Amino acid sequence: MPPPQPQIVRVIDLETTGSAPPAHGVCEIGWQDVALGANGRWELYGEGGNILVNPGRRIPPVTMAIHHIRDEDVADARWWHDVARPVLDPYPRRIALAAHRAEFEQQFCSPTLTHGAEWICTWKCALRLWPDSPSFSNQVLRYWRSPAGIDHERGLPAHRAFPDAYVTAFHLRDMLNEASVAQLIEWSRTPGLLPRVRYGPDRGKDWREIGHESLMGFLTDRDPDVRFTAQAEMDRRRDGGPVGRATAQELLL
């Protein structure tokens, strides 16, 4: 009898006609699995794949210019609801879905299509695990980290569903080898914890470096990630945390 197939986290990436369903639709889905090996380490698993999807509407030129999928490429493709469930729900082997900036994919991938799957957002987890990265886009992380084993050509072109899922899978693999599935899911449920101030006079500073007045202003910011981070820093200070750049000793603790 062959050994049972391992449980997986399935990384997905969508290419769409825009960012606001139901006005916009999916025109491609790509996926790549990551599985826990017998040695206790997570690794990429299987070949992954992609499927073109008929979005049921025209693809705007500004969107076509990003992923280069044309109306004629998807005119004879299957509809989203015919494609989505088998890809999103390889049940019961799949223990979670993952995507970079997963809130975007979650708009199109309803709980009905995913069988109520948990999600891991590799963008939010990268903020926690690799705060020194110069940026947290999928591609900047790719070149800043140079993850072991990645095939450069297989991860191209960027902004197509399979190559992007493939690159994200390497980030996820390394995250899972640093933190548990449960921890990544927990981080993914909250807004992003930003390592540096995004804009304004304190742009680029560590949050613990900014003054109290500036921090108070960020508590009512329109961006939920900024508000969440400002509140986390305020709570840290209320618990006695010092204001100012962390010392080498603090970074080790």
Protein backbone atom coordinates (compact mmCIF):
# COMPACT_ATOMS: atom_id res chain seq x y z
CA MET A 1 0.00 0.00 0.00
CA PRO A 2 1.43 3.41 -0.95
CA PRO A 3 2.08 5.84 1.94
CA PRO A 4 -0.68 8.39 2.58
CA GLN A 5 -0.29 11.73 0.86
CA PRO A 6 0.82 14.49 3.21
CA GLN A 7 -1.38 17.31 4.39
CA ILE A 8 -0.74 20.53 2.52
CA VAL A 9 -1.07 24.28 2.65
CA ARG A 10 -2.11 25.39 -0.83
CA VAL A 11 -0.73 28.72 -2.03
CA ILE A 12 -2.94 30.43 -4.59
CA ASP A 13 -2.70 33.54 -6.72
CA LEU A 14 -5.44 35.17 -8.76
CA GLU A 15 -5.26 37.42 -11.79
CA THR A 16 -8.46 39.43 -12.19
CA THR A 17 -10.15 42.20 -14.15
CA GLY A 18 -9.92 44.48 -11.09
CA SER A 19 -9.98 44.58 -7.30
CA ALA A 20 -13.67 44.88 -6.38
CA PRO A 21 -15.98 41.90 -6.94
CA PRO A 22 -18.69 41.45 -8.06
CA ALA A 23 -17.89 44.27 -10.49
CA HIS A 24 -14.66 42.45 -11.31
CA GLY A 25 -13.97 38.79 -12.02
CA VAL A 26 -11.18 36.21 -12.03
CA CYS A 27 -9.34 35.51 -15.27
CA GLU A 28 -6.65 33.11 -13.96
CA ILE A 29 -5.90 31.04 -10.85
CA GLY A 30 -2.55 29.50 -10.03
CA TRP A 31 -1.49 27.26 -7.16
CA GLN A 32 1.51 25.58 -5.55
CA ASP A 33 1.38 23.26 -2.54
CA VAL A 34 3.69 23.19 0.49
CA ALA A 35 3.74 19.99 2.57
CA LEU A 36 5.23 18.80 5.85
CA GLY A 37 7.83 16.13 5.18
CA ALA A 38 8.66 13.05 7.23
CA ASN A 39 11.74 14.90 8.50
CA GLY A 40 9.56 17.57 10.11
CA ARG A 41 10.46 20.24 7.55
CA TRP A 42 8.07 21.95 5.15
CA GLU A 43 8.91 21.79 1.43
CA LEU A 44 7.24 22.54 -1.88
CA TYR A 45 5.12 19.60 -3.01
CA GLY A 46 3.90 18.66 -6.48
CA GLU A 47 4.02 20.63 -9.67
CA GLY A 48 1.28 23.19 -9.01
CA GLY A 49 -0.55 24.63 -11.98
CA ASN A 50 -2.78 27.31 -13.41
CA ILE A 51 -6.17 27.59 -15.14
CA LEU A 52 -7.45 30.45 -17.26
CA VAL A 53 -10.96 31.59 -16.35
CA ASN A 54 -13.62 33.46 -18.32
CA PRO A 55 -14.36 36.50 -16.12
CA GLY A 56 -17.68 37.17 -17.86
CA ARG A 57 -16.70 40.75 -18.74
CA ARG A 58 -14.08 42.66 -20.65
CA ILE A 59 -10.59 42.95 -19.18
CA PRO A 60 -9.70 46.67 -18.85
CA PRO A 61 -6.54 47.75 -20.69
CA VAL A 62 -4.96 49.02 -17.46
CA THR A 63 -5.35 45.54 -15.95
CA MET A 64 -4.28 43.77 -19.13
CA ALA A 65 -1.08 45.81 -18.96
CA ILE A 66 -0.23 44.16 -15.62
CA HIS A 67 -0.85 40.47 -16.32
CA HIS A 68 -1.05 40.52 -20.16
CA ILE A 69 -4.11 38.23 -20.25
CA ARG A 70 -6.31 39.34 -23.16
CA ASP A 71 -10.03 38.90 -23.76
CA GLU A 72 -9.32 36.44 -26.56
CA ASP A 73 -7.17 34.31 -24.22
CA VAL A 74 -10.13 33.62 -21.92
CA ALA A 75 -13.06 33.75 -24.35
CA ASP A 76 -13.43 29.94 -24.40
CA ALA A 77 -12.26 29.32 -20.82
CA ARG A 78 -14.45 27.88 -18.07
CA TRP A 79 -16.36 30.01 -15.59
CA TRP A 80 -15.03 30.76 -12.10
CA HIS A 81 -17.58 28.64 -10.23
CA ASP A 82 -16.72 25.66 -12.45
CA VAL A 83 -12.99 26.04 -11.77
CA ALA A 84 -12.69 27.31 -8.21
CA ARG A 85 -13.90 24.54 -5.90
CA PRO A 86 -11.56 21.72 -7.06
CA VAL A 87 -8.54 24.04 -6.82
CA LEU A 88 -9.44 25.75 -3.55
CA ASP A 89 -10.77 22.69 -1.74
CA PRO A 90 -8.60 19.57 -2.22
CA TYR A 91 -10.33 18.33 0.94
CA PRO A 92 -9.39 16.74 3.36
CA ARG A 93 -5.68 17.05 2.66
CA ARG A 94 -5.58 20.86 2.64
CA ILE A 95 -5.23 22.34 6.14
CA ALA A 96 -5.14 26.00 5.01
CA LEU A 97 -4.94 28.28 1.99
CA ALA A 98 -2.26 30.92 1.61
CA ALA A 99 -1.68 33.97 -0.55
CA HIS A 100 0.44 37.11 -0.54
CA ARG A 101 -1.93 39.91 0.51
CA ALA A 102 -4.55 37.22 1.07
CA GLU A 103 -7.38 39.69 1.68
CA PHE A 104 -7.41 40.31 -2.08
CA GLU A 105 -7.86 36.60 -2.90
CA GLN A 106 -10.42 36.18 -0.13
CA GLN A 107 -12.73 38.68 -1.86
CA PHE A 108 -13.12 36.23 -4.76
CA CYS A 109 -12.75 32.95 -2.83
CA SER A 110 -15.86 32.73 -0.67
CA PRO A 111 -16.10 30.30 2.28
CA THR A 112 -18.51 28.23 0.19
CA LEU A 113 -15.83 27.74 -2.46
CA THR A 114 -13.05 27.09 0.07
CA HIS A 115 -15.01 24.79 2.41
CA GLY A 116 -14.45 27.40 5.12
CA ALA A 117 -10.67 27.16 4.92
CA GLU A 118 -8.33 29.09 7.19
CA TRP A 119 -6.03 31.55 5.41
CA ILE A 120 -2.38 32.48 5.81
CA CYS A 121 -1.34 35.89 4.52
CA THR A 122 2.36 35.73 3.69
CA TRP A 123 2.54 39.55 3.54
CA LYS A 124 1.34 39.91 7.15
CA CYS A 125 3.60 37.08 8.30
CA ALA A 126 6.62 38.59 6.53
CA LEU A 127 6.08 41.82 8.50
CA ARG A 128 6.47 39.77 11.70
CA LEU A 129 9.24 37.39 10.69
CA TRP A 130 11.42 39.51 8.40
CA PRO A 131 10.92 43.14 9.54
CA ASP A 132 14.29 44.23 8.09
CA SER A 133 13.19 43.65 4.49
CA PRO A 134 13.34 46.89 2.48
CA SER A 135 9.79 46.18 1.26
CA PHE A 136 7.27 43.37 1.61
CA SER A 137 6.01 42.77 -1.91
CA ASN A 138 6.23 39.21 -3.19
CA GLN A 139 9.01 40.09 -5.63
CA VAL A 140 11.10 42.26 -3.29
CA LEU A 141 11.05 39.46 -0.72
CA ARG A 142 12.08 37.07 -3.48
CA TYR A 143 15.24 39.00 -4.33
CA TRP A 144 16.02 40.22 -0.81
CA ARG A 145 15.78 36.71 0.64
CA SER A 146 16.95 34.57 -2.32
CA PRO A 147 15.16 31.49 -0.91
CA ALA A 148 17.04 28.22 -1.31
CA GLY A 149 15.99 26.06 -4.24
CA ILE A 150 13.92 28.59 -6.17
CA ASP A 151 14.07 28.20 -9.96
CA HIS A 152 14.39 31.73 -11.32
CA GLU A 153 12.71 31.06 -14.66
CA ARG A 154 9.85 29.07 -13.12
CA GLY A 155 8.99 32.16 -11.09
CA LEU A 156 8.53 34.27 -14.23
CA PRO A 157 6.77 36.21 -15.58
CA ALA A 158 5.70 38.14 -12.51
CA HIS A 159 1.99 39.00 -12.26
CA ARG A 160 0.88 35.70 -13.70
CA ALA A 161 -0.93 33.28 -11.44
CA PHE A 162 1.36 30.25 -11.33
CA PRO A 163 4.73 32.08 -11.18
CA ASP A 164 3.46 34.32 -8.39
CA ALA A 165 2.06 31.35 -6.44
CA TYR A 166 5.36 29.52 -6.93
CA VAL A 167 7.39 32.42 -5.51
CA THR A 168 4.97 32.87 -2.60
CA ALA A 169 5.28 29.15 -1.80
CA PHE A 170 8.99 29.59 -1.07
CA HIS A 171 8.21 32.40 1.37
CA LEU A 172 5.54 30.23 2.99
CA ARG A 173 7.86 27.23 3.21
CA ASP A 174 10.43 29.24 5.11
CA MET A 175 7.78 30.83 7.34
CA LEU A 176 6.40 27.41 8.27
CA ASN A 177 9.91 26.29 9.17
CA GLU A 178 10.15 29.25 11.57
CA ALA A 179 6.62 29.33 13.04
CA SER A 180 3.65 27.01 13.37
CA VAL A 181 0.63 26.89 11.08
CA ALA A 182 -1.49 28.10 14.00
CA GLN A 183 0.80 31.08 14.59
CA LEU A 184 0.76 32.12 10.93
CA ILE A 185 -3.03 31.88 10.86
CA GLU A 186 -3.29 33.97 14.04
CA TRP A 187 -1.06 36.71 12.60
CA SER A 188 -3.10 36.60 9.38
CA ARG A 189 -6.38 37.24 11.19
CA THR A 190 -5.27 40.66 12.47
CA PRO A 191 -4.21 43.75 10.52
CA GLY A 192 -0.56 43.98 9.51
CA LEU A 193 1.99 44.90 12.21
CA LEU A 194 4.14 47.39 10.32
CA PRO A 195 7.83 47.50 11.28
CA ARG A 196 8.32 51.10 10.12
CA VAL A 197 6.24 54.28 9.80
CA ARG A 198 4.88 54.51 6.25
CA TYR A 199 4.53 58.26 5.73
CA GLY A 200 4.75 61.71 7.28
CA PRO A 201 7.69 63.39 9.04
CA ASP A 202 8.61 60.10 10.77
CA ARG A 203 8.55 58.02 7.59
CA GLY A 204 10.98 55.10 7.75
CA LYS A 205 11.45 55.21 11.51
CA ASP A 206 10.91 52.30 13.86
CA TRP A 207 7.61 52.88 15.67
CA ARG A 208 9.32 52.95 19.05
CA GLU A 209 11.38 55.94 17.91
CA ILE A 210 8.51 58.35 17.25
CA GLY A 211 7.18 60.87 19.76
CA HIS A 212 3.98 60.48 21.74
CA GLU A 213 2.06 63.14 19.78
CA SER A 214 2.88 61.54 16.46
CA LEU A 215 1.88 58.13 17.79
CA MET A 216 -1.45 59.49 19.05
CA GLY A 217 -2.20 60.86 15.58
CA PHE A 218 -1.72 57.43 13.99
CA LEU A 219 -4.33 55.88 16.34
CA THR A 220 -7.10 57.40 14.18
CA ASP A 221 -5.46 56.85 10.79
CA ARG A 222 -7.69 55.62 7.93
CA ASP A 223 -5.39 52.64 7.31
CA PRO A 224 -6.27 49.69 9.60
CA ASP A 225 -2.68 48.41 9.53
CA VAL A 226 -1.40 51.80 10.72
CA ARG A 227 -4.03 52.00 13.47
CA PHE A 228 -3.31 48.46 14.62
CA THR A 229 0.44 49.06 14.73
CA ALA A 230 0.08 52.38 16.53
CA GLN A 231 -2.14 50.75 19.14
CA ALA A 232 0.34 47.90 19.60
CA GLU A 233 3.12 50.44 20.19
CA MET A 234 0.93 52.43 22.59
CA ASP A 235 0.20 49.25 24.55
CA ARG A 236 3.92 48.43 24.65
CA ARG A 237 4.69 51.86 26.12
CA ARG A 238 1.89 51.56 28.68
CA ASP A 239 3.47 48.30 29.82
CA GLY A 240 6.72 50.15 30.49
CA GLY A 241 8.46 49.74 27.15
CA PRO A 242 11.04 52.48 26.50
CA VAL A 243 10.80 55.06 23.72
CA GLY A 244 13.72 55.02 21.28
CA ARG A 245 15.54 52.62 18.97
CA ALA A 246 15.91 49.12 20.38
CA THR A 247 19.34 48.28 21.76
CA ALA A 248 21.31 45.27 20.53
CA GLN A 249 20.53 43.54 23.81
CA GLU A 250 16.78 44.12 23.39
CA LEU A 251 16.85 42.71 19.90
CA LEU A 252 18.37 39.51 21.24
CA LEU A 253 15.64 39.04 23.87
